[in-house]
C-alpha cells in the first residue's frame, strides 16, 4: 500500500473520529437531550431551509477554496498558510483534497443534523471567513 493511500486513510479517519470522540464524551442523558434538541430544530421548516442554504453555500465556498489554493500555489506567488493543511499537502500530495472534502462532508452533515440558530450563526461566520480566504487566494494568484 502506498504512503499516500495510508496518509489519506489516516486523515479521513481522524476527521471522522472527531465527531465520534465528541459523541462518546457526552453522557447518555446529554446525548438524549441533544438528540431531542436536534429533532426540534429540524422540525422547523425555516431552520431546515436555512441549514440547506448555508450548507450549499459552504460547499461552494469550499470548492472555491480548493481551486483558489491550487491556483495561488501553482502561480508561484502563494503558500498554504494553514500549517496543518500545509503538512497534509506535503505528505499526502493531491490526497489533501480528499481529506478537505471529507471534512466538509462531516461538517455539512453536522449542520444539517442540528440546524439550531446558534449553530447556523457560527457556521455562517466561518463560511464568510473562508470566503475572504478564497478572495485573498485569487488576489495572490493574480486572478482578481
C-alpha atoms as a PDB file:
ATOM      1  CA  UNK A   1       0.000   0.000   0.000  1.00  0.00           C
ATOM      2  CA  UNK A   2       1.454   3.377  -0.961  1.00  0.00           C
ATOM      3  CA  UNK A   3       2.304   6.019   1.616  1.00  0.00           C
ATOM      4  CA  UNK A   4      -0.194   8.452   0.059  1.00  0.00           C
ATOM      5  CA  UNK A   5      -3.062   5.984   0.466  1.00  0.00           C
ATOM      6  CA  UNK A   6      -2.130   5.312   4.100  1.00  0.00           C
ATOM      7  CA  UNK A   7      -1.829   9.018   4.850  1.00  0.00           C
ATOM      8  CA  UNK A   8      -5.171   9.752   3.180  1.00  0.00           C
ATOM      9  CA  UNK A   9      -6.798   6.965   5.194  1.00  0.00           C
ATOM     10  CA  UNK A  10      -5.307   8.348   8.434  1.00  0.00           C
ATOM     11  CA  UNK A  11      -6.512  11.883   7.628  1.00  0.00           C
ATOM     12  CA  UNK A  12     -10.049  10.699   6.870  1.00  0.00           C
ATOM     13  CA  UNK A  13     -10.106   8.517   9.972  1.00  0.00           C
ATOM     14  CA  UNK A  14      -9.033  11.464  12.127  1.00  0.00           C
ATOM     15  CA  UNK A  15     -11.633  13.703  10.514  1.00  0.00           C
ATOM     16  CA  UNK A  16     -14.454  11.237  11.110  1.00  0.00           C
ATOM     17  CA  UNK A  17     -13.087  10.329  14.535  1.00  0.00           C
ATOM     18  CA  UNK A  18     -13.545  13.845  15.912  1.00  0.00           C
ATOM     19  CA  UNK A  19     -17.322  13.539  15.728  1.00  0.00           C
ATOM     20  CA  UNK A  20     -17.198  10.096  17.319  1.00  0.00           C
ATOM     21  CA  UNK A  21     -14.991  11.391  20.128  1.00  0.00           C
ATOM     22  CA  UNK A  22     -17.334  14.277  20.908  1.00  0.00           C
ATOM     23  CA  UNK A  23     -20.276  11.879  20.834  1.00  0.00           C
ATOM     24  CA  UNK A  24     -18.582   9.419  23.192  1.00  0.00           C
ATOM     25  CA  UNK A  25     -17.694  12.118  25.734  1.00  0.00           C
ATOM     26  CA  UNK A  26     -21.302  13.158  26.230  1.00  0.00           C
ATOM     27  CA  UNK A  27     -23.295  11.381  28.919  1.00  0.00           C
ATOM     28  CA  UNK A  28     -26.313   9.314  27.949  1.00  0.00           C
ATOM     29  CA  UNK A  29     -28.617  11.961  29.403  1.00  0.00           C
ATOM     30  CA  UNK A  30     -26.859  14.713  27.447  1.00  0.00           C
ATOM     31  CA  UNK A  31     -26.932  12.649  24.242  1.00  0.00           C
ATOM     32  CA  UNK A  32     -30.691  12.152  24.580  1.00  0.00           C
ATOM     33  CA  UNK A  33     -31.191  15.872  25.232  1.00  0.00           C
ATOM     34  CA  UNK A  34     -29.008  16.713  22.219  1.00  0.00           C
ATOM     35  CA  UNK A  35     -30.999  14.311  20.033  1.00  0.00           C
ATOM     36  CA  UNK A  36     -34.264  15.882  21.207  1.00  0.00           C
ATOM     37  CA  UNK A  37     -32.972  19.426  20.632  1.00  0.00           C
ATOM     38  CA  UNK A  38     -31.685  18.499  17.175  1.00  0.00           C
ATOM     39  CA  UNK A  39     -35.021  16.918  16.248  1.00  0.00           C
ATOM     40  CA  UNK A  40     -36.850  20.043  17.421  1.00  0.00           C
ATOM     41  CA  UNK A  41     -34.520  22.244  15.374  1.00  0.00           C
ATOM     42  CA  UNK A  42     -35.022  20.059  12.277  1.00  0.00           C
ATOM     43  CA  UNK A  43     -38.805  20.253  12.759  1.00  0.00           C
ATOM     44  CA  UNK A  44     -38.661  23.937  11.831  1.00  0.00           C
ATOM     45  CA  UNK A  45     -39.052  24.403   8.075  1.00  0.00           C
ATOM     46  CA  UNK A  46     -37.288  27.758   8.345  1.00  0.00           C
ATOM     47  CA  UNK A  47     -34.258  26.290  10.134  1.00  0.00           C
ATOM     48  CA  UNK A  48     -34.059  23.316   7.763  1.00  0.00           C
ATOM     49  CA  UNK A  49     -34.221  25.659   4.776  1.00  0.00           C
ATOM     50  CA  UNK A  50     -31.597  27.951   6.316  1.00  0.00           C
ATOM     51  CA  UNK A  51     -29.346  24.966   7.035  1.00  0.00           C
ATOM     52  CA  UNK A  52     -29.660  23.605   3.483  1.00  0.00           C
ATOM     53  CA  UNK A  53     -28.902  27.043   2.031  1.00  0.00           C
ATOM     54  CA  UNK A  54     -25.947  27.516   4.401  1.00  0.00           C
ATOM     55  CA  UNK A  55     -24.524  24.062   3.599  1.00  0.00           C
ATOM     56  CA  UNK A  56     -24.822  24.632  -0.165  1.00  0.00           C
ATOM     57  CA  UNK A  57     -23.031  27.994   0.159  1.00  0.00           C
ATOM     58  CA  UNK A  58     -20.405  26.481   2.472  1.00  0.00           C
ATOM     59  CA  UNK A  59     -19.625  23.720  -0.007  1.00  0.00           C
ATOM     60  CA  UNK A  60     -19.465  26.143  -2.945  1.00  0.00           C
ATOM     61  CA  UNK A  61     -17.011  28.256  -0.959  1.00  0.00           C
ATOM     62  CA  UNK A  62     -15.132  25.069  -0.005  1.00  0.00           C
ATOM     63  CA  UNK A  63     -14.721  24.038  -3.647  1.00  0.00           C
ATOM     64  CA  UNK A  64     -13.659  27.597  -4.492  1.00  0.00           C
ATOM     65  CA  UNK A  65     -11.143  27.410  -1.641  1.00  0.00           C
ATOM     66  CA  UNK A  66      -9.591  24.264  -3.100  1.00  0.00           C
ATOM     67  CA  UNK A  67      -9.438  25.808  -6.577  1.00  0.00           C
ATOM     68  CA  UNK A  68      -8.097  29.159  -5.351  1.00  0.00           C
ATOM     69  CA  UNK A  69      -5.486  27.488  -3.143  1.00  0.00           C
ATOM     70  CA  UNK A  70      -4.212  25.394  -6.035  1.00  0.00           C
ATOM     71  CA  UNK A  71      -4.236  28.478  -8.294  1.00  0.00           C
ATOM     72  CA  UNK A  72      -2.264  30.590  -5.807  1.00  0.00           C
ATOM     73  CA  UNK A  73       0.315  27.861  -5.199  1.00  0.00           C
ATOM     74  CA  UNK A  74       0.715  26.988  -8.884  1.00  0.00           C
ATOM     75  CA  UNK A  75       1.171  30.677  -9.726  1.00  0.00           C
ATOM     76  CA  UNK A  76       4.339  30.580  -7.644  1.00  0.00           C
ATOM     77  CA  UNK A  77       3.142  33.532  -5.577  1.00  0.00           C
ATOM     78  CA  UNK A  78       1.319  31.704  -2.817  1.00  0.00           C
ATOM     79  CA  UNK A  79       1.987  29.281   0.000  1.00  0.00           C
ATOM     80  CA  UNK A  80      -0.512  27.480   2.211  1.00  0.00           C
ATOM     81  CA  UNK A  81      -0.738  29.499   5.435  1.00  0.00           C
ATOM     82  CA  UNK A  82      -2.515  26.819   7.480  1.00  0.00           C
ATOM     83  CA  UNK A  83       0.266  24.628   8.933  1.00  0.00           C
ATOM     84  CA  UNK A  84      -1.991  21.567   9.268  1.00  0.00           C
ATOM     85  CA  UNK A  85      -3.187  21.775   5.675  1.00  0.00           C
ATOM     86  CA  UNK A  86       0.367  22.525   4.502  1.00  0.00           C
ATOM     87  CA  UNK A  87       1.535  19.310   6.230  1.00  0.00           C
ATOM     88  CA  UNK A  88      -1.298  17.399   4.517  1.00  0.00           C
ATOM     89  CA  UNK A  89      -0.215  18.844   1.173  1.00  0.00           C
ATOM     90  CA  UNK A  90       3.431  17.942   1.741  1.00  0.00           C
ATOM     91  CA  UNK A  91       2.763  14.397   2.943  1.00  0.00           C
ATOM     92  CA  UNK A  92      -0.371  13.443   1.026  1.00  0.00           C
ATOM     93  CA  UNK A  93       0.169  15.067  -2.344  1.00  0.00           C
ATOM     94  CA  UNK A  94      -3.212  15.539  -4.007  1.00  0.00           C
ATOM     95  CA  UNK A  95      -4.810  13.462  -1.241  1.00  0.00           C
ATOM     96  CA  UNK A  96      -5.241  16.664   0.791  1.00  0.00           C
ATOM     97  CA  UNK A  97      -8.209  17.470  -1.452  1.00  0.00           C
ATOM     98  CA  UNK A  98      -9.927  14.238  -0.411  1.00  0.00           C
ATOM     99  CA  UNK A  99      -9.253  14.988   3.268  1.00  0.00           C
ATOM    100  CA  UNK A 100     -10.662  18.522   2.902  1.00  0.00           C
ATOM    101  CA  UNK A 101     -13.756  17.271   1.093  1.00  0.00           C
ATOM    102  CA  UNK A 102     -14.240  14.605   3.776  1.00  0.00           C
ATOM    103  CA  UNK A 103     -14.096  17.247   6.480  1.00  0.00           C
ATOM    104  CA  UNK A 104     -16.567  19.412   4.548  1.00  0.00           C
ATOM    105  CA  UNK A 105     -18.954  16.455   4.323  1.00  0.00           C
ATOM    106  CA  UNK A 106     -18.764  15.794   8.079  1.00  0.00           C
ATOM    107  CA  UNK A 107     -19.326  19.469   8.920  1.00  0.00           C
ATOM    108  CA  UNK A 108     -22.209  19.696   6.435  1.00  0.00           C
ATOM    109  CA  UNK A 109     -23.883  16.661   7.989  1.00  0.00           C
ATOM    110  CA  UNK A 110     -23.491  18.105  11.488  1.00  0.00           C
ATOM    111  CA  UNK A 111     -25.116  21.406  10.487  1.00  0.00           C
ATOM    112  CA  UNK A 112     -28.000  19.640   8.729  1.00  0.00           C
ATOM    113  CA  UNK A 113     -28.462  17.345  11.733  1.00  0.00           C
ATOM    114  CA  UNK A 114     -28.621  20.235  14.237  1.00  0.00           C
ATOM    115  CA  UNK A 115     -29.795  23.432  12.500  1.00  0.00           C
ATOM    116  CA  UNK A 116     -30.060  25.493  15.689  1.00  0.00           C
ATOM    117  CA  UNK A 117     -29.818  29.255  15.121  1.00  0.00           C
ATOM    118  CA  UNK A 118     -26.552  29.468  17.120  1.00  0.00           C
ATOM    119  CA  UNK A 119     -25.007  26.686  15.016  1.00  0.00           C
ATOM    120  CA  UNK A 120     -26.191  28.419  11.841  1.00  0.00           C
ATOM    121  CA  UNK A 121     -24.809  31.773  13.005  1.00  0.00           C
ATOM    122  CA  UNK A 122     -21.334  30.405  13.743  1.00  0.00           C
ATOM    123  CA  UNK A 123     -21.420  28.367  10.549  1.00  0.00           C
ATOM    124  CA  UNK A 124     -22.290  31.497   8.570  1.00  0.00           C
ATOM    125  CA  UNK A 125     -19.408  33.411  10.169  1.00  0.00           C
ATOM    126  CA  UNK A 126     -16.976  30.588   9.369  1.00  0.00           C
ATOM    127  CA  UNK A 127     -18.223  30.424   5.771  1.00  0.00           C
ATOM    128  CA  UNK A 128     -17.796  34.198   5.443  1.00  0.00           C
ATOM    129  CA  UNK A 129     -14.243  33.988   6.776  1.00  0.00           C
ATOM    130  CA  UNK A 130     -13.477  31.215   4.298  1.00  0.00           C
ATOM    131  CA  UNK A 131     -14.913  33.354   1.502  1.00  0.00           C
ATOM    132  CA  UNK A 132     -12.418  36.064   2.479  1.00  0.00           C
ATOM    133  CA  UNK A 133      -9.617  33.460   2.224  1.00  0.00           C
ATOM    134  CA  UNK A 134     -10.840  32.478  -1.252  1.00  0.00           C
ATOM    135  CA  UNK A 135     -10.827  36.127  -2.336  1.00  0.00           C
ATOM    136  CA  UNK A 136      -7.315  36.549  -0.935  1.00  0.00           C
ATOM    137  CA  UNK A 137      -6.114  33.404  -2.744  1.00  0.00           C
ATOM    138  CA  UNK A 138      -7.486  34.676  -6.054  1.00  0.00           C
ATOM    139  CA  UNK A 139      -5.765  38.015  -5.449  1.00  0.00           C
ATOM    140  CA  UNK A 140      -2.457  36.256  -4.769  1.00  0.00           C
ATOM    141  CA  UNK A 141      -2.884  34.106  -7.885  1.00  0.00           C
ATOM    142  CA  UNK A 142      -3.498  37.261  -9.944  1.00  0.00           C
ATOM    143  CA  UNK A 143      -6.968  36.149 -10.978  1.00  0.00           C
ATOM    144  CA  UNK A 144      -8.709  39.205  -9.458  1.00  0.00           C
END
